[in-house]
Amino acid sequence: MKIELRKFTEENKQDLIKLCNAIDRKYLSDRLPHPYTQESADWWLNMLSENDEKKGVWRAIYADDKLVGNISVEQKSDVYHKDGEIGYFLLTEYWSKGIMTEAAKQICALAFEKLDIIRITGLYYEPNVGSGRVMEKCGFKFEGKLRNGVVKGDDVYNLCIMGLLKEDFENSRVNKEV
């Protein structure tokens, strides 16, 4: 399966709307609008046109030319400005196929190339072990957890923290495979 990261464009706006309305939101933050509307997509595309490769890198994930997910590294601010936070989602029918691991390797390489950062932080709700495995396979190290750190609906989860240093990524076998 061919995995590609592509920039979002006006041309794939309708596919973006379908994707964002079809994903499993159980372990996602609530900042992604639901339902995902035309206005949501317009806001998103405008934000990307102003900020992509300046304050973060945001990409659509394509598997064999089909839009199946989204991935980003957003640069933080203030005293955290040398850190970026990775975030991603994938349609459930594409889980456990290695797609997200490949996409994460690609976005980390792109983020370290385009952004002035020295690390990438990844966060996941403790029951979402698949997300933790994706980061692990990309070279992220477990750095700890915030107990009862997330409240999603009626559920309370521990928030696991992973970190990837630029020097470790550049020296790793993972990076050489990208």
C-alpha atoms as a PDB file:
ATOM      1  CA  MET A   1       0.000   0.000   0.000  1.00  0.00           C
ATOM      2  CA  LYS A   2       1.371   3.400  -0.985  1.00  0.00           C
ATOM      3  CA  ILE A   3       1.179   5.960   1.872  1.00  0.00           C
ATOM      4  CA  GLU A   4       1.455   9.636   0.958  1.00  0.00           C
ATOM      5  CA  LEU A   5       1.129  12.879   2.875  1.00  0.00           C
ATOM      6  CA  ARG A   6      -0.396  15.702   0.849  1.00  0.00           C
ATOM      7  CA  LYS A   7      -1.351  19.270   1.597  1.00  0.00           C
ATOM      8  CA  PHE A   8      -5.039  19.972   1.993  1.00  0.00           C
ATOM      9  CA  THR A   9      -6.524  22.050  -0.836  1.00  0.00           C
ATOM     10  CA  GLU A  10      -9.862  23.457  -1.947  1.00  0.00           C
ATOM     11  CA  GLU A  11     -10.051  20.523  -4.360  1.00  0.00           C
ATOM     12  CA  ASN A  12     -10.231  17.955  -1.550  1.00  0.00           C
ATOM     13  CA  LYS A  13     -12.524  20.012   0.726  1.00  0.00           C
ATOM     14  CA  GLN A  14     -15.560  17.738   0.257  1.00  0.00           C
ATOM     15  CA  ASP A  15     -13.435  14.660   1.003  1.00  0.00           C
ATOM     16  CA  LEU A  16     -12.120  16.440   4.126  1.00  0.00           C
ATOM     17  CA  ILE A  17     -15.681  17.071   5.323  1.00  0.00           C
ATOM     18  CA  LYS A  18     -16.652  13.414   4.734  1.00  0.00           C
ATOM     19  CA  LEU A  19     -13.510  12.217   6.532  1.00  0.00           C
ATOM     20  CA  CYS A  20     -14.031  14.422   9.592  1.00  0.00           C
ATOM     21  CA  ASN A  21     -17.645  13.312   9.909  1.00  0.00           C
ATOM     22  CA  ALA A  22     -16.763   9.607   9.550  1.00  0.00           C
ATOM     23  CA  ILE A  23     -13.930   9.208  12.073  1.00  0.00           C
ATOM     24  CA  ASP A  24     -14.110   7.554  15.470  1.00  0.00           C
ATOM     25  CA  ARG A  25     -13.852  10.409  17.998  1.00  0.00           C
ATOM     26  CA  LYS A  26     -13.545   8.321  21.164  1.00  0.00           C
ATOM     27  CA  TYR A  27      -9.907   9.293  21.793  1.00  0.00           C
ATOM     28  CA  LEU A  28      -9.778  12.649  19.987  1.00  0.00           C
ATOM     29  CA  SER A  29      -9.833  16.083  21.568  1.00  0.00           C
ATOM     30  CA  ASP A  30     -13.101  17.956  21.345  1.00  0.00           C
ATOM     31  CA  ARG A  31     -11.591  20.838  19.345  1.00  0.00           C
ATOM     32  CA  LEU A  32     -12.451  19.061  16.070  1.00  0.00           C
ATOM     33  CA  PRO A  33     -15.956  20.338  15.242  1.00  0.00           C
ATOM     34  CA  HIS A  34     -18.822  17.874  15.003  1.00  0.00           C
ATOM     35  CA  PRO A  35     -20.646  17.850  12.760  1.00  0.00           C
ATOM     36  CA  TYR A  36     -17.858  18.996  10.480  1.00  0.00           C
ATOM     37  CA  THR A  37     -19.403  21.567   8.149  1.00  0.00           C
ATOM     38  CA  GLN A  38     -18.497  23.590   5.073  1.00  0.00           C
ATOM     39  CA  GLU A  39     -17.640  26.474   7.431  1.00  0.00           C
ATOM     40  CA  SER A  40     -15.363  24.189   9.464  1.00  0.00           C
ATOM     41  CA  ALA A  41     -13.500  23.185   6.311  1.00  0.00           C
ATOM     42  CA  ASP A  42     -13.245  26.802   5.116  1.00  0.00           C
ATOM     43  CA  TRP A  43     -11.785  27.862   8.487  1.00  0.00           C
ATOM     44  CA  TRP A  44      -9.329  24.923   8.406  1.00  0.00           C
ATOM     45  CA  LEU A  45      -8.116  25.580   4.861  1.00  0.00           C
ATOM     46  CA  ASN A  46      -7.671  29.297   5.613  1.00  0.00           C
ATOM     47  CA  MET A  47      -5.712  28.508   8.795  1.00  0.00           C
ATOM     48  CA  LEU A  48      -3.471  26.164   6.821  1.00  0.00           C
ATOM     49  CA  SER A  49      -2.808  28.737   4.098  1.00  0.00           C
ATOM     50  CA  GLU A  50      -1.580  31.178   6.756  1.00  0.00           C
ATOM     51  CA  ASN A  51       0.338  28.796   9.031  1.00  0.00           C
ATOM     52  CA  ASP A  52       1.526  25.656   7.209  1.00  0.00           C
ATOM     53  CA  GLU A  53       5.289  25.203   7.505  1.00  0.00           C
ATOM     54  CA  LYS A  54       5.458  28.302   9.738  1.00  0.00           C
ATOM     55  CA  LYS A  55       3.620  27.262  12.918  1.00  0.00           C
ATOM     56  CA  GLY A  56       3.164  23.619  12.083  1.00  0.00           C
ATOM     57  CA  VAL A  57       2.843  21.054   9.332  1.00  0.00           C
ATOM     58  CA  TRP A  58      -0.601  19.674   8.536  1.00  0.00           C
ATOM     59  CA  ARG A  59      -1.148  16.928   5.990  1.00  0.00           C
ATOM     60  CA  ALA A  60      -3.821  14.655   4.599  1.00  0.00           C
ATOM     61  CA  ILE A  61      -2.977  10.953   4.717  1.00  0.00           C
ATOM     62  CA  TYR A  62      -3.607   9.079   1.471  1.00  0.00           C
ATOM     63  CA  ALA A  63      -3.448   5.305   1.139  1.00  0.00           C
ATOM     64  CA  ASP A  64      -3.434   4.185  -2.483  1.00  0.00           C
ATOM     65  CA  ASP A  65      -4.769   7.621  -3.538  1.00  0.00           C
ATOM     66  CA  LYS A  66      -7.709   7.572  -1.076  1.00  0.00           C
ATOM     67  CA  LEU A  67      -7.987  10.143   1.738  1.00  0.00           C
ATOM     68  CA  VAL A  68      -7.985   8.069   4.938  1.00  0.00           C
ATOM     69  CA  GLY A  69      -6.750  10.404   7.675  1.00  0.00           C
ATOM     70  CA  ASN A  70      -5.077  13.541   8.907  1.00  0.00           C
ATOM     71  CA  ILE A  71      -1.766  14.158  10.681  1.00  0.00           C
ATOM     72  CA  SER A  72       0.022  17.223  11.997  1.00  0.00           C
ATOM     73  CA  VAL A  73       2.796  18.582  14.153  1.00  0.00           C
ATOM     74  CA  GLU A  74       1.888  21.958  15.627  1.00  0.00           C
ATOM     75  CA  GLN A  75       4.679  24.096  17.050  1.00  0.00           C
ATOM     76  CA  LYS A  76       4.011  25.278  20.581  1.00  0.00           C
ATOM     77  CA  SER A  77       4.615  28.801  21.892  1.00  0.00           C
ATOM     78  CA  ASP A  78       6.116  30.648  24.856  1.00  0.00           C
ATOM     79  CA  VAL A  79       8.805  28.638  26.677  1.00  0.00           C
ATOM     80  CA  TYR A  80       7.662  25.539  24.754  1.00  0.00           C
ATOM     81  CA  HIS A  81       8.418  27.069  21.315  1.00  0.00           C
ATOM     82  CA  LYS A  82      11.080  24.466  20.429  1.00  0.00           C
ATOM     83  CA  ASP A  83       8.509  21.670  20.854  1.00  0.00           C
ATOM     84  CA  GLY A  84       5.821  20.488  18.459  1.00  0.00           C
ATOM     85  CA  GLU A  85       2.828  18.323  19.288  1.00  0.00           C
ATOM     86  CA  ILE A  86       1.867  15.482  16.980  1.00  0.00           C
ATOM     87  CA  GLY A  87      -1.783  14.676  16.391  1.00  0.00           C
ATOM     88  CA  TYR A  88      -3.524  12.322  14.011  1.00  0.00           C
ATOM     89  CA  PHE A  89      -6.599  10.328  13.133  1.00  0.00           C
ATOM     90  CA  LEU A  90      -7.409   7.574  10.684  1.00  0.00           C
ATOM     91  CA  LEU A  91     -10.647   6.005   9.446  1.00  0.00           C
ATOM     92  CA  THR A  92     -11.234   2.856  11.518  1.00  0.00           C
ATOM     93  CA  GLU A  93     -11.230   0.499   8.527  1.00  0.00           C
ATOM     94  CA  TYR A  94      -7.565   1.484   7.981  1.00  0.00           C
ATOM     95  CA  TRP A  95      -6.383   0.824  11.548  1.00  0.00           C
ATOM     96  CA  SER A  96      -3.691  -1.828  12.169  1.00  0.00           C
ATOM     97  CA  LYS A  97      -2.328  -1.748   8.626  1.00  0.00           C
ATOM     98  CA  GLY A  98       0.852   0.254   9.320  1.00  0.00           C
ATOM     99  CA  ILE A  99      -0.560   3.364   7.648  1.00  0.00           C
ATOM    100  CA  MET A 100      -0.366   5.652  10.666  1.00  0.00           C
ATOM    101  CA  THR A 101       3.135   4.501  11.586  1.00  0.00           C
ATOM    102  CA  GLU A 102       4.373   5.343   8.088  1.00  0.00           C
ATOM    103  CA  ALA A 103       2.501   8.676   8.101  1.00  0.00           C
ATOM    104  CA  ALA A 104       3.937   9.548  11.530  1.00  0.00           C
ATOM    105  CA  LYS A 105       7.494   8.824  10.372  1.00  0.00           C
ATOM    106  CA  GLN A 106       6.946  11.086   7.364  1.00  0.00           C
ATOM    107  CA  ILE A 107       5.388  13.949   9.353  1.00  0.00           C
ATOM    108  CA  CYS A 108       8.152  13.844  11.982  1.00  0.00           C
ATOM    109  CA  ALA A 109      10.821  14.095   9.269  1.00  0.00           C
ATOM    110  CA  LEU A 110       8.926  16.972   7.656  1.00  0.00           C
ATOM    111  CA  ALA A 111       8.385  18.782  10.972  1.00  0.00           C
ATOM    112  CA  PHE A 112      12.054  18.556  11.961  1.00  0.00           C
ATOM    113  CA  GLU A 113      13.009  19.823   8.490  1.00  0.00           C
ATOM    114  CA  LYS A 114      10.512  22.708   8.223  1.00  0.00           C
ATOM    115  CA  LEU A 115      10.045  23.901  11.820  1.00  0.00           C
ATOM    116  CA  ASP A 116      12.528  25.314  14.313  1.00  0.00           C
ATOM    117  CA  ILE A 117      11.931  22.586  16.903  1.00  0.00           C
ATOM    118  CA  ILE A 118      14.141  20.215  18.883  1.00  0.00           C
ATOM    119  CA  ARG A 119      11.463  17.743  20.003  1.00  0.00           C
ATOM    120  CA  ILE A 120       7.993  16.448  19.249  1.00  0.00           C
ATOM    121  CA  THR A 121       5.563  15.559  22.014  1.00  0.00           C
ATOM    122  CA  GLY A 122       2.825  12.977  21.577  1.00  0.00           C
ATOM    123  CA  LEU A 123      -0.121  12.531  23.933  1.00  0.00           C
ATOM    124  CA  TYR A 124      -2.601   9.679  24.040  1.00  0.00           C
ATOM    125  CA  TYR A 125      -5.360   8.470  26.330  1.00  0.00           C
ATOM    126  CA  GLU A 126      -4.077   5.382  28.145  1.00  0.00           C
ATOM    127  CA  PRO A 127      -6.636   2.907  26.715  1.00  0.00           C
ATOM    128  CA  ASN A 128      -5.613   3.933  23.180  1.00  0.00           C
ATOM    129  CA  VAL A 129      -2.612   1.587  23.084  1.00  0.00           C
ATOM    130  CA  GLY A 130      -2.584   1.612  19.274  1.00  0.00           C
ATOM    131  CA  SER A 131      -1.673   5.290  19.279  1.00  0.00           C
ATOM    132  CA  GLY A 132       1.089   4.632  21.794  1.00  0.00           C
ATOM    133  CA  ARG A 133       2.469   1.859  19.577  1.00  0.00           C
ATOM    134  CA  VAL A 134       2.510   4.162  16.536  1.00  0.00           C
ATOM    135  CA  MET A 135       4.687   6.652  18.413  1.00  0.00           C
ATOM    136  CA  GLU A 136       6.899   3.922  19.848  1.00  0.00           C
ATOM    137  CA  LYS A 137       7.577   2.543  16.360  1.00  0.00           C
ATOM    138  CA  CYS A 138       8.607   6.054  15.285  1.00  0.00           C
ATOM    139  CA  GLY A 139      11.176   6.328  18.071  1.00  0.00           C
ATOM    140  CA  PHE A 140       9.147   8.216  20.700  1.00  0.00           C
ATOM    141  CA  LYS A 141      10.020   7.401  24.316  1.00  0.00           C
ATOM    142  CA  PHE A 142       7.475   7.123  27.117  1.00  0.00           C
ATOM    143  CA  GLU A 143       7.992  10.100  29.439  1.00  0.00           C
ATOM    144  CA  GLY A 144       5.180   9.668  31.944  1.00  0.00           C
ATOM    145  CA  LYS A 145       1.484  10.097  32.478  1.00  0.00           C
ATOM    146  CA  LEU A 146      -0.947  12.567  33.937  1.00  0.00           C
ATOM    147  CA  ARG A 147      -3.276  10.536  36.102  1.00  0.00           C
ATOM    148  CA  ASN A 148      -6.934  11.383  35.391  1.00  0.00           C
ATOM    149  CA  GLY A 149      -5.555  13.958  32.954  1.00  0.00           C
ATOM    150  CA  VAL A 150      -8.413  13.834  30.422  1.00  0.00           C
ATOM    151  CA  VAL A 151     -12.180  13.996  30.767  1.00  0.00           C
ATOM    152  CA  LYS A 152     -13.943  12.983  27.559  1.00  0.00           C
ATOM    153  CA  GLY A 153     -17.701  12.912  27.945  1.00  0.00           C
ATOM    154  CA  ASP A 154     -18.359  10.774  31.022  1.00  0.00           C
ATOM    155  CA  ASP A 155     -14.987   9.017  30.830  1.00  0.00           C
ATOM    156  CA  VAL A 156     -11.830   9.936  32.726  1.00  0.00           C
ATOM    157  CA  TYR A 157      -8.503   8.754  31.320  1.00  0.00           C
ATOM    158  CA  ASN A 158      -4.847   8.886  32.200  1.00  0.00           C
ATOM    159  CA  LEU A 159      -2.934  10.930  29.620  1.00  0.00           C
ATOM    160  CA  CYS A 160       0.293   9.296  28.451  1.00  0.00           C
ATOM    161  CA  ILE A 161       3.170  11.503  27.343  1.00  0.00           C
ATOM    162  CA  MET A 162       5.674  10.473  24.682  1.00  0.00           C
ATOM    163  CA  GLY A 163       8.647  12.439  23.390  1.00  0.00           C
ATOM    164  CA  LEU A 164      10.901  12.317  20.348  1.00  0.00           C
ATOM    165  CA  LEU A 165      14.118  14.349  20.275  1.00  0.00           C
ATOM    166  CA  LYS A 166      15.346  15.672  16.944  1.00  0.00           C
ATOM    167  CA  GLU A 167      18.854  14.274  17.475  1.00  0.00           C
ATOM    168  CA  ASP A 168      17.471  10.830  18.293  1.00  0.00           C
ATOM    169  CA  PHE A 169      15.242  10.866  15.206  1.00  0.00           C
ATOM    170  CA  GLU A 170      18.060  12.012  12.922  1.00  0.00           C
ATOM    171  CA  ASN A 171      20.338   9.259  14.239  1.00  0.00           C
ATOM    172  CA  SER A 172      17.692   6.539  14.186  1.00  0.00           C
ATOM    173  CA  ARG A 173      17.038   3.729  11.778  1.00  0.00           C
ATOM    174  CA  VAL A 174      13.391   4.954  11.641  1.00  0.00           C
ATOM    175  CA  ASN A 175      14.438   8.180   9.921  1.00  0.00           C
ATOM    176  CA  LYS A 176      16.544   6.352   7.369  1.00  0.00           C
ATOM    177  CA  GLU A 177      13.464   4.353   6.302  1.00  0.00           C
ATOM    178  CA  VAL A 178      11.421   7.497   5.491  1.00  0.00           C
END
